[in-house]
Amino acid sequence: MAEEEKVEAEEGKEPEKPEKKSSKKLMVIIGVAVLLLGGGGFAGWKFLLADKASGPEGESGQGTGAAAEGTPKIAIIYDMKPFIVNLLGNQGKRYLKAKVDIEVDSEETASELKDRQSQLRDAVLLLLAGKSFEDISSPEGKTQLRNELIGRINEHLKSGTVQNLYFTEFVVQ
C-alpha cells in the first residue's frame, strides 16, 4: 500500500509541474502583450493625437510671438577660442580658462567680430587678467564679469552690438 500511495503521490505531482510552466509562460505572454499595447497606445497618442491638439499655429493653437510672424528668429552666435589667464593674487598660482560664445544682432556684426578678433581677444584678456579668484568665484561675480565683457566688446564694435555672452567653459585652478 505504501508503494501505491507513493505512485499516486508522484502521479499527482507530475501534472502540477506542467501547469506551473504553462502558467509562467502565460504570465510572460500577458506581460509582453501589455507592454506592446501600452507602448503602441502611447506612440499613437504621441504622434497622432498630440499633433492635432497643438493646432496648426503651434502650441495649443496660440500663435504668438515669432511663430505667428513666420519662422522664429535664430540667434547668431560667434564662438571665440578659449582664454587662459593668470588671476590676480596668490603670486600667479591660480589661473582661469574660459571659453565664451557671443550672441550678436546680425551677420554683419559676426563678420566684424571675426575681422577684429585680435583686438577683442586683447581686450578680453586684459579684463580677465585684472580679476582675482574672489571676484569671479560667486555666481554674482560671473554675472558681473559677463556684463563687463559685453560692455568691453561693444566698445570695439562699429556696427551692431553684442546681445548676450555665454560661458561655455569656466575653469579656475
N, C-alpha and C. Protein backbone atom coordinates (compact mmCIF):
# COMPACT_ATOMS: atom_id res chain seq x y z
N MET A 1 0.79 -1.19 0.00
CA MET A 1 0.00 0.00 0.00
C MET A 1 0.85 1.27 0.00
N ALA A 2 1.92 1.21 0.68
CA ALA A 2 2.78 2.38 0.73
C ALA A 2 3.31 2.70 -0.65
N GLU A 3 3.57 1.66 -1.42
CA GLU A 3 4.05 1.90 -2.77
C GLU A 3 2.97 2.51 -3.63
N GLU A 4 1.74 2.11 -3.44
CA GLU A 4 0.63 2.68 -4.21
C GLU A 4 0.45 4.16 -3.88
N GLU A 5 0.59 4.52 -2.59
CA GLU A 5 0.46 5.93 -2.20
C GLU A 5 1.57 6.76 -2.81
N LYS A 6 2.79 6.17 -2.86
CA LYS A 6 3.90 6.90 -3.48
C LYS A 6 3.64 7.11 -4.96
N VAL A 7 3.12 6.06 -5.61
CA VAL A 7 2.82 6.16 -7.03
C VAL A 7 1.74 7.20 -7.27
N GLU A 8 0.68 7.18 -6.43
CA GLU A 8 -0.40 8.15 -6.57
C GLU A 8 0.11 9.56 -6.27
N ALA A 9 0.98 9.67 -5.27
CA ALA A 9 1.53 10.97 -4.92
C ALA A 9 2.40 11.50 -6.06
N GLU A 10 3.21 10.62 -6.66
CA GLU A 10 4.04 11.04 -7.78
C GLU A 10 3.18 11.39 -8.98
N GLU A 11 2.12 10.63 -9.22
CA GLU A 11 1.23 10.94 -10.33
C GLU A 11 0.53 12.28 -10.09
N GLY A 12 0.22 12.56 -8.85
CA GLY A 12 -0.43 13.83 -8.52
C GLY A 12 0.53 15.01 -8.69
N LYS A 13 1.82 14.78 -8.47
CA LYS A 13 2.79 15.87 -8.58
C LYS A 13 3.15 16.17 -10.03
N GLU A 14 3.20 15.16 -10.84
CA GLU A 14 3.62 15.35 -12.22
C GLU A 14 2.70 16.27 -13.00
N PRO A 15 1.38 16.12 -12.91
CA PRO A 15 0.52 17.04 -13.67
C PRO A 15 0.63 18.48 -13.19
N GLU A 16 1.04 18.76 -11.94
CA GLU A 16 1.14 20.13 -11.44
C GLU A 16 2.31 20.87 -12.08
N LYS A 17 3.40 20.21 -12.34
CA LYS A 17 4.57 20.88 -12.91
C LYS A 17 4.26 21.47 -14.28
N PRO A 18 3.63 20.72 -15.20
CA PRO A 18 3.30 21.36 -16.47
C PRO A 18 2.35 22.54 -16.31
N GLU A 19 1.47 22.50 -15.33
CA GLU A 19 0.57 23.64 -15.12
C GLU A 19 1.36 24.87 -14.69
N LYS A 20 2.38 24.70 -13.83
CA LYS A 20 3.19 25.83 -13.39
C LYS A 20 3.97 26.41 -14.56
N LYS A 21 4.53 25.57 -15.40
CA LYS A 21 5.28 26.05 -16.55
C LYS A 21 4.35 26.79 -17.51
N SER A 22 3.19 26.24 -17.75
CA SER A 22 2.27 26.89 -18.66
C SER A 22 1.73 28.19 -18.05
N SER A 23 1.56 28.23 -16.74
CA SER A 23 1.09 29.48 -16.13
C SER A 23 2.20 30.54 -16.18
N LYS A 24 3.47 30.13 -16.05
CA LYS A 24 4.57 31.09 -16.17
C LYS A 24 4.65 31.61 -17.59
N LYS A 25 4.50 30.72 -18.56
CA LYS A 25 4.52 31.15 -19.95
C LYS A 25 3.37 32.11 -20.23
N LEU A 26 2.21 31.78 -19.69
CA LEU A 26 1.04 32.62 -19.88
C LEU A 26 1.26 34.01 -19.29
N MET A 27 1.87 34.08 -18.10
CA MET A 27 2.14 35.37 -17.46
C MET A 27 3.14 36.19 -18.29
N VAL A 28 4.16 35.52 -18.82
CA VAL A 28 5.14 36.22 -19.64
C VAL A 28 4.48 36.75 -20.91
N ILE A 29 3.65 35.94 -21.54
CA ILE A 29 2.97 36.37 -22.77
C ILE A 29 2.04 37.54 -22.47
N ILE A 30 1.31 37.46 -21.37
CA ILE A 30 0.41 38.56 -21.00
C ILE A 30 1.22 39.83 -20.72
N GLY A 31 2.36 39.70 -20.01
CA GLY A 31 3.20 40.86 -19.72
C GLY A 31 3.73 41.52 -20.98
N VAL A 32 4.20 40.72 -21.92
CA VAL A 32 4.71 41.25 -23.18
C VAL A 32 3.58 41.93 -23.96
N ALA A 33 2.40 41.30 -23.98
CA ALA A 33 1.27 41.88 -24.69
C ALA A 33 0.87 43.22 -24.09
N VAL A 34 0.85 43.31 -22.77
CA VAL A 34 0.50 44.57 -22.10
C VAL A 34 1.52 45.66 -22.44
N LEU A 35 2.82 45.30 -22.42
CA LEU A 35 3.84 46.28 -22.77
C LEU A 35 3.72 46.74 -24.22
N LEU A 36 3.46 45.82 -25.13
CA LEU A 36 3.31 46.19 -26.53
C LEU A 36 2.09 47.08 -26.75
N LEU A 37 0.99 46.71 -26.13
CA LEU A 37 -0.22 47.51 -26.27
C LEU A 37 -0.04 48.90 -25.64
N GLY A 38 0.61 48.93 -24.48
CA GLY A 38 0.84 50.22 -23.82
C GLY A 38 1.77 51.09 -24.64
N GLY A 39 2.86 50.51 -25.16
CA GLY A 39 3.79 51.27 -25.99
C GLY A 39 3.13 51.73 -27.28
N GLY A 40 2.34 50.86 -27.89
CA GLY A 40 1.64 51.24 -29.12
C GLY A 40 0.62 52.33 -28.87
N GLY A 41 -0.08 52.23 -27.76
CA GLY A 41 -1.07 53.26 -27.42
C GLY A 41 -0.41 54.60 -27.17
N PHE A 42 0.71 54.59 -26.45
CA PHE A 42 1.43 55.84 -26.19
C PHE A 42 1.95 56.44 -27.48
N ALA A 43 2.55 55.59 -28.33
CA ALA A 43 3.08 56.09 -29.60
C ALA A 43 1.96 56.67 -30.47
N GLY A 44 0.83 56.00 -30.50
CA GLY A 44 -0.30 56.51 -31.27
C GLY A 44 -0.78 57.85 -30.74
N TRP A 45 -0.88 57.97 -29.44
CA TRP A 45 -1.31 59.24 -28.85
C TRP A 45 -0.28 60.33 -29.13
N LYS A 46 1.01 60.01 -28.95
CA LYS A 46 2.07 60.99 -29.10
C LYS A 46 2.14 61.54 -30.52
N PHE A 47 2.08 60.63 -31.50
CA PHE A 47 2.28 61.06 -32.88
C PHE A 47 1.01 61.48 -33.61
N LEU A 48 -0.10 60.93 -33.23
CA LEU A 48 -1.33 61.23 -33.94
C LEU A 48 -2.18 62.28 -33.24
N LEU A 49 -2.47 62.06 -31.98
CA LEU A 49 -3.38 62.96 -31.28
C LEU A 49 -2.69 64.22 -30.77
N ALA A 50 -1.42 64.14 -30.40
CA ALA A 50 -0.72 65.32 -29.88
C ALA A 50 -0.58 66.38 -30.96
N ASP A 51 -0.38 65.98 -32.23
CA ASP A 51 -0.27 66.95 -33.30
C ASP A 51 -1.58 67.69 -33.52
N LYS A 52 -2.69 66.99 -33.39
CA LYS A 52 -3.99 67.63 -33.56
C LYS A 52 -4.29 68.59 -32.43
N ALA A 53 -3.87 68.25 -31.21
CA ALA A 53 -4.14 69.09 -30.05
C ALA A 53 -3.35 70.39 -30.10
N SER A 54 -2.17 70.38 -30.70
CA SER A 54 -1.36 71.59 -30.73
C SER A 54 -1.86 72.59 -31.75
N GLY A 55 -2.61 72.15 -32.73
CA GLY A 55 -3.20 73.07 -33.70
C GLY A 55 -2.21 73.45 -34.78
N PRO A 56 -2.68 74.14 -35.79
CA PRO A 56 -1.82 74.48 -36.92
C PRO A 56 -0.82 75.60 -36.62
N GLU A 57 -1.06 76.42 -35.57
CA GLU A 57 -0.19 77.55 -35.33
C GLU A 57 0.74 77.36 -34.14
N GLY A 58 0.99 76.15 -33.72
CA GLY A 58 1.93 75.94 -32.63
C GLY A 58 1.24 75.37 -31.42
N GLU A 59 1.75 75.70 -30.27
CA GLU A 59 1.28 75.11 -29.03
C GLU A 59 -0.13 75.55 -28.69
N SER A 60 -1.01 74.61 -28.49
CA SER A 60 -2.38 74.82 -28.06
C SER A 60 -3.14 75.83 -28.92
N GLY A 61 -2.75 75.99 -30.14
CA GLY A 61 -3.47 76.88 -31.04
C GLY A 61 -3.22 78.35 -30.79
N GLN A 62 -2.27 78.70 -29.93
CA GLN A 62 -1.99 80.10 -29.66
C GLN A 62 -0.80 80.53 -30.50
N GLY A 63 -1.03 81.33 -31.48
CA GLY A 63 0.05 81.78 -32.35
C GLY A 63 0.54 83.13 -31.91
N THR A 64 1.53 83.19 -31.04
CA THR A 64 2.04 84.45 -30.56
C THR A 64 3.51 84.56 -30.85
N GLY A 65 4.02 85.74 -30.82
CA GLY A 65 5.45 85.97 -30.94
C GLY A 65 5.97 85.69 -32.35
N ALA A 66 7.20 85.20 -32.41
CA ALA A 66 7.86 84.99 -33.69
C ALA A 66 7.21 83.87 -34.48
N ALA A 67 6.60 82.90 -33.82
CA ALA A 67 5.97 81.78 -34.53
C ALA A 67 4.79 82.28 -35.36
N ALA A 68 4.09 83.30 -34.89
CA ALA A 68 2.95 83.83 -35.61
C ALA A 68 3.40 84.63 -36.84
N GLU A 69 4.58 85.23 -36.77
CA GLU A 69 5.08 86.04 -37.86
C GLU A 69 5.73 85.21 -38.96
N GLY A 70 6.04 83.98 -38.69
CA GLY A 70 6.73 83.13 -39.67
C GLY A 70 7.73 82.27 -38.93
N THR A 71 8.91 82.18 -39.50
CA THR A 71 9.93 81.37 -38.86
C THR A 71 10.51 82.11 -37.66
N PRO A 72 10.84 81.38 -36.59
CA PRO A 72 11.41 82.04 -35.43
C PRO A 72 12.82 82.56 -35.73
N LYS A 73 13.17 83.64 -35.06
CA LYS A 73 14.48 84.24 -35.26
C LYS A 73 15.54 83.34 -34.61
N ILE A 74 16.55 83.00 -35.37
CA ILE A 74 17.63 82.16 -34.87
C ILE A 74 18.78 83.07 -34.46
N ALA A 75 19.29 82.84 -33.27
CA ALA A 75 20.36 83.66 -32.76
C ALA A 75 21.64 83.42 -33.56
N ILE A 76 22.41 84.47 -33.75
CA ILE A 76 23.69 84.37 -34.43
C ILE A 76 24.76 84.34 -33.35
N ILE A 77 25.47 83.23 -33.28
CA ILE A 77 26.47 83.01 -32.24
C ILE A 77 27.86 82.99 -32.86
N TYR A 78 28.76 83.77 -32.28
CA TYR A 78 30.16 83.76 -32.68
C TYR A 78 30.95 83.16 -31.53
N ASP A 79 31.68 82.08 -31.82
CA ASP A 79 32.44 81.45 -30.74
C ASP A 79 33.90 81.86 -30.83
N MET A 80 34.45 82.15 -29.67
CA MET A 80 35.85 82.55 -29.59
C MET A 80 36.68 81.40 -29.05
N LYS A 81 37.95 81.45 -29.35
CA LYS A 81 38.87 80.43 -28.82
C LYS A 81 38.99 80.63 -27.30
N PRO A 82 39.37 79.57 -26.58
CA PRO A 82 39.48 79.68 -25.11
C PRO A 82 40.53 80.71 -24.68
N PHE A 83 40.29 81.31 -23.52
CA PHE A 83 41.21 82.25 -22.91
C PHE A 83 41.80 81.59 -21.68
N ILE A 84 43.12 81.70 -21.52
CA ILE A 84 43.78 81.18 -20.32
C ILE A 84 44.62 82.32 -19.76
N VAL A 85 44.29 82.73 -18.52
CA VAL A 85 44.99 83.85 -17.90
C VAL A 85 45.30 83.52 -16.44
N ASN A 86 46.38 84.13 -15.94
CA ASN A 86 46.68 84.06 -14.51
C ASN A 86 45.79 85.08 -13.81
N LEU A 87 45.25 84.69 -12.66
CA LEU A 87 44.41 85.59 -11.88
C LEU A 87 45.26 86.41 -10.93
N LEU A 88 44.74 87.56 -10.51
CA LEU A 88 45.43 88.40 -9.53
C LEU A 88 45.54 87.67 -8.20
N GLY A 89 46.58 87.98 -7.44
CA GLY A 89 46.75 87.40 -6.11
C GLY A 89 47.37 86.01 -6.18
N ASN A 90 47.73 85.48 -5.03
CA ASN A 90 48.33 84.15 -4.89
C ASN A 90 49.57 83.99 -5.77
N GLN A 91 50.30 85.04 -6.03
CA GLN A 91 51.53 85.04 -6.83
C GLN A 91 51.40 84.25 -8.13
N GLY A 92 50.28 84.38 -8.81
CA GLY A 92 50.10 83.73 -10.11
C GLY A 92 49.88 82.24 -10.04
N LYS A 93 49.51 81.72 -8.89
CA LYS A 93 49.30 80.28 -8.76
C LYS A 93 47.93 79.84 -9.26
N ARG A 94 47.01 80.75 -9.40
CA ARG A 94 45.67 80.41 -9.90
C ARG A 94 45.52 80.95 -11.31
N TYR A 95 44.86 80.14 -12.12
CA TYR A 95 44.58 80.61 -13.47
C TYR A 95 43.13 80.30 -13.84
N LEU A 96 42.67 81.01 -14.84
CA LEU A 96 41.32 80.87 -15.34
C LEU A 96 41.37 80.43 -16.79
N LYS A 97 40.59 79.41 -17.10
CA LYS A 97 40.39 79.03 -18.50
C LYS A 97 38.92 79.26 -18.78
N ALA A 98 38.63 80.13 -19.75
CA ALA A 98 37.25 80.47 -20.07
C ALA A 98 37.08 80.46 -21.58
N LYS A 99 35.97 79.90 -22.02
CA LYS A 99 35.59 79.95 -23.42
C LYS A 99 34.23 80.62 -23.48
N VAL A 100 34.11 81.58 -24.38
CA VAL A 100 32.86 82.33 -24.47
C VAL A 100 32.30 82.25 -25.88
N ASP A 101 30.99 82.22 -25.96
CA ASP A 101 30.26 82.35 -27.21
C ASP A 101 29.50 83.66 -27.14
N ILE A 102 29.53 84.40 -28.22
CA ILE A 102 28.94 85.73 -28.24
C ILE A 102 27.74 85.74 -29.17
N GLU A 103 26.60 86.15 -28.63
CA GLU A 103 25.39 86.29 -29.45
C GLU A 103 25.32 87.73 -29.95
N VAL A 104 25.21 87.87 -31.28
CA VAL A 104 25.18 89.19 -31.88
C VAL A 104 23.86 89.42 -32.60
N ASP A 105 23.63 90.68 -33.00
CA ASP A 105 22.35 91.04 -33.59
C ASP A 105 22.27 90.83 -35.10
N SER A 106 23.41 90.64 -35.78
CA SER A 106 23.35 90.45 -37.23
C SER A 106 24.59 89.70 -37.73
N GLU A 107 24.49 89.23 -38.96
CA GLU A 107 25.63 88.57 -39.61
C GLU A 107 26.76 89.58 -39.81
N GLU A 108 26.41 90.82 -40.06
CA GLU A 108 27.41 91.86 -40.24
C GLU A 108 28.25 92.03 -38.97
N THR A 109 27.61 91.98 -37.82
CA THR A 109 28.33 92.09 -36.55
C THR A 109 29.23 90.88 -36.34
N ALA A 110 28.75 89.69 -36.69
CA ALA A 110 29.57 88.48 -36.57
C ALA A 110 30.80 88.59 -37.46
N SER A 111 30.63 89.14 -38.65
CA SER A 111 31.76 89.34 -39.55
C SER A 111 32.76 90.33 -38.96
N GLU A 112 32.24 91.38 -38.34
CA GLU A 112 33.12 92.38 -37.71
C GLU A 112 33.88 91.75 -36.55
N LEU A 113 33.22 90.89 -35.77
CA LEU A 113 33.91 90.20 -34.67
C LEU A 113 35.07 89.37 -35.22
N LYS A 114 34.84 88.71 -36.33
CA LYS A 114 35.89 87.89 -36.94
C LYS A 114 37.05 88.77 -37.41
N ASP A 115 36.73 89.91 -38.02
CA ASP A 115 37.77 90.81 -38.52
C ASP A 115 38.57 91.45 -37.38
N ARG A 116 37.93 91.71 -36.27
CA ARG A 116 38.58 92.38 -35.13
C ARG A 116 38.98 91.39 -34.03
N GLN A 117 39.15 90.16 -34.38
CA GLN A 117 39.40 89.12 -33.38
C GLN A 117 40.61 89.43 -32.50
N SER A 118 41.70 89.92 -33.07
CA SER A 118 42.90 90.22 -32.28
C SER A 118 42.63 91.31 -31.26
N GLN A 119 41.96 92.37 -31.68
CA GLN A 119 41.64 93.46 -30.76
C GLN A 119 40.73 92.98 -29.64
N LEU A 120 39.74 92.17 -30.00
CA LEU A 120 38.78 91.68 -29.00
C LEU A 120 39.45 90.73 -28.01
N ARG A 121 40.29 89.85 -28.52
CA ARG A 121 40.99 88.91 -27.61
C ARG A 121 41.88 89.69 -26.63
N ASP A 122 42.55 90.72 -27.12
CA ASP A 122 43.40 91.53 -26.26
C ASP A 122 42.56 92.20 -25.17
N ALA A 123 41.43 92.78 -25.55
CA ALA A 123 40.57 93.46 -24.57
C ALA A 123 40.03 92.47 -23.54
N VAL A 124 39.63 91.29 -23.98
CA VAL A 124 39.09 90.29 -23.06
C VAL A 124 40.19 89.76 -22.14
N LEU A 125 41.38 89.50 -22.69
CA LEU A 125 42.49 89.01 -21.87
C LEU A 125 42.88 90.01 -20.79
N LEU A 126 42.94 91.28 -21.15
CA LEU A 126 43.28 92.30 -20.15
C LEU A 126 42.22 92.39 -19.06
N LEU A 127 40.97 92.29 -19.43
CA LEU A 127 39.90 92.33 -18.44
C LEU A 127 39.96 91.11 -17.52
N LEU A 128 40.14 89.93 -18.08
CA LEU A 128 40.19 88.71 -17.28
C LEU A 128 41.40 88.68 -16.36
N ALA A 129 42.56 89.15 -16.86
CA ALA A 129 43.78 89.13 -16.07
C ALA A 129 43.70 90.09 -14.88
N GLY A 130 42.82 91.06 -14.94
CA GLY A 130 42.65 92.00 -13.84
C GLY A 130 41.70 91.51 -12.75
N LYS A 131 41.23 90.29 -12.85
CA LYS A 131 40.29 89.73 -11.88
C LYS A 131 41.01 88.80 -10.90
N SER A 132 40.50 88.76 -9.69
CA SER A 132 41.03 87.81 -8.70
C SER A 132 40.04 86.66 -8.54
N PHE A 133 40.48 85.63 -7.87
CA PHE A 133 39.62 84.47 -7.65
C PHE A 133 38.35 84.88 -6.92
N GLU A 134 38.47 85.77 -5.95
CA GLU A 134 37.32 86.22 -5.18
C GLU A 134 36.31 86.97 -6.05
N ASP A 135 36.82 87.66 -7.08
CA ASP A 135 35.93 88.43 -7.97
C ASP A 135 35.02 87.52 -8.79
N ILE A 136 35.51 86.35 -9.18
CA ILE A 136 34.77 85.52 -10.13
C ILE A 136 34.28 84.20 -9.56
N SER A 137 34.49 83.95 -8.28
CA SER A 137 34.12 82.64 -7.72
C SER A 137 32.62 82.51 -7.45
N SER A 138 31.92 83.59 -7.23
CA SER A 138 30.49 83.52 -6.94
C SER A 138 29.66 83.67 -8.22
N PRO A 139 28.42 83.22 -8.20
CA PRO A 139 27.56 83.42 -9.38
C PRO A 139 27.36 84.90 -9.72
N GLU A 140 27.29 85.75 -8.70
CA GLU A 140 27.14 87.18 -8.94
C GLU A 140 28.39 87.73 -9.62
N GLY A 141 29.55 87.22 -9.23
CA GLY A 141 30.80 87.65 -9.85
C GLY A 141 30.87 87.26 -11.32
N LYS A 142 30.38 86.08 -11.62
CA LYS A 142 30.37 85.64 -13.03
C LYS A 142 29.39 86.48 -13.85
N THR A 143 28.25 86.82 -13.26
CA THR A 143 27.29 87.68 -13.96
C THR A 143 27.87 89.07 -14.20
N GLN A 144 28.57 89.60 -13.20
CA GLN A 144 29.20 90.91 -13.36
C GLN A 144 30.29 90.84 -14.43
N LEU A 145 31.07 89.75 -14.44
CA LEU A 145 32.10 89.58 -15.45
C LEU A 145 31.48 89.51 -16.85
N ARG A 146 30.38 88.80 -16.98
CA ARG A 146 29.67 88.71 -18.27
C ARG A 146 29.28 90.11 -18.75
N ASN A 147 28.69 90.90 -17.85
CA ASN A 147 28.26 92.26 -18.23
C ASN A 147 29.45 93.14 -18.62
N GLU A 148 30.57 93.01 -17.89
CA GLU A 148 31.77 93.78 -18.22
C GLU A 148 32.33 93.37 -19.58
N LEU A 149 32.31 92.06 -19.86
CA LEU A 149 32.81 91.59 -21.16
C LEU A 149 31.93 92.09 -22.30
N ILE A 150 30.63 92.07 -22.11
CA ILE A 150 29.72 92.59 -23.14
C ILE A 150 30.01 94.06 -23.41
N GLY A 151 30.16 94.84 -22.34
CA GLY A 151 30.46 96.26 -22.50
C GLY A 151 31.80 96.49 -23.19
N ARG A 152 32.81 95.73 -22.80
CA ARG A 152 34.14 95.89 -23.39
C ARG A 152 34.13 95.53 -24.88
N ILE A 153 33.45 94.47 -25.24
CA ILE A 153 33.39 94.07 -26.65
C ILE A 153 32.58 95.09 -27.46
N ASN A 154 31.47 95.57 -26.91
CA ASN A 154 30.66 96.57 -27.62
C ASN A 154 31.43 97.86 -27.88
N GLU A 155 32.40 98.20 -27.01
CA GLU A 155 33.22 99.39 -27.22
C GLU A 155 34.03 99.29 -28.51
N HIS A 156 34.41 98.09 -28.88
CA HIS A 156 35.26 97.89 -30.07
C HIS A 156 34.46 97.70 -31.36
N LEU A 157 33.15 97.54 -31.26
CA LEU A 157 32.34 97.30 -32.46
C LEU A 157 31.86 98.63 -33.06
N LYS A 158 31.95 98.73 -34.36
CA LYS A 158 31.48 99.93 -35.05
C LYS A 158 30.03 99.76 -35.51
N SER A 159 29.66 98.55 -35.90
CA SER A 159 28.28 98.30 -36.34
C SER A 159 27.72 97.13 -35.55
N GLY A 160 26.52 97.28 -35.06
CA GLY A 160 25.88 96.20 -34.32
C GLY A 160 26.34 96.14 -32.87
N THR A 161 25.69 95.23 -32.13
CA THR A 161 26.01 95.09 -30.72
C THR A 161 25.97 93.62 -30.31
N VAL A 162 26.58 93.37 -29.17
CA VAL A 162 26.53 92.04 -28.57
C VAL A 162 25.23 91.96 -27.78
N GLN A 163 24.43 90.95 -28.06
CA GLN A 163 23.16 90.76 -27.36
C GLN A 163 23.36 90.01 -26.04
N ASN A 164 24.21 89.00 -26.08
CA ASN A 164 24.45 88.19 -24.88
C ASN A 164 25.80 87.52 -25.01
N LEU A 165 26.31 87.02 -23.89
CA LEU A 165 27.58 86.32 -23.87
C LEU A 165 27.38 85.08 -23.02
N TYR A 166 27.86 83.95 -23.51
CA TYR A 166 27.68 82.67 -22.81
C TYR A 166 29.05 82.09 -22.47
N PHE A 167 29.22 81.69 -21.21
CA PHE A 167 30.42 80.98 -20.82
C PHE A 167 30.20 79.50 -21.13
N THR A 168 30.94 78.97 -22.09
CA THR A 168 30.78 77.55 -22.40
C THR A 168 31.82 76.70 -21.67
N GLU A 169 32.88 77.34 -21.19
CA GLU A 169 33.86 76.71 -20.29
C GLU A 169 34.25 77.77 -19.28
N PHE A 170 34.39 77.37 -18.03
CA PHE A 170 34.80 78.31 -17.00
C PHE A 170 35.49 77.50 -15.90
N VAL A 171 36.81 77.42 -15.95
CA VAL A 171 37.56 76.59 -15.02
C VAL A 171 38.59 77.46 -14.31
N VAL A 172 38.58 77.43 -12.99
CA VAL A 172 39.59 78.13 -12.19
C VAL A 172 40.38 77.07 -11.45
N GLN A 173 41.70 77.17 -11.57
CA GLN A 173 42.54 76.19 -10.87
C GLN A 173 43.62 76.90 -10.10
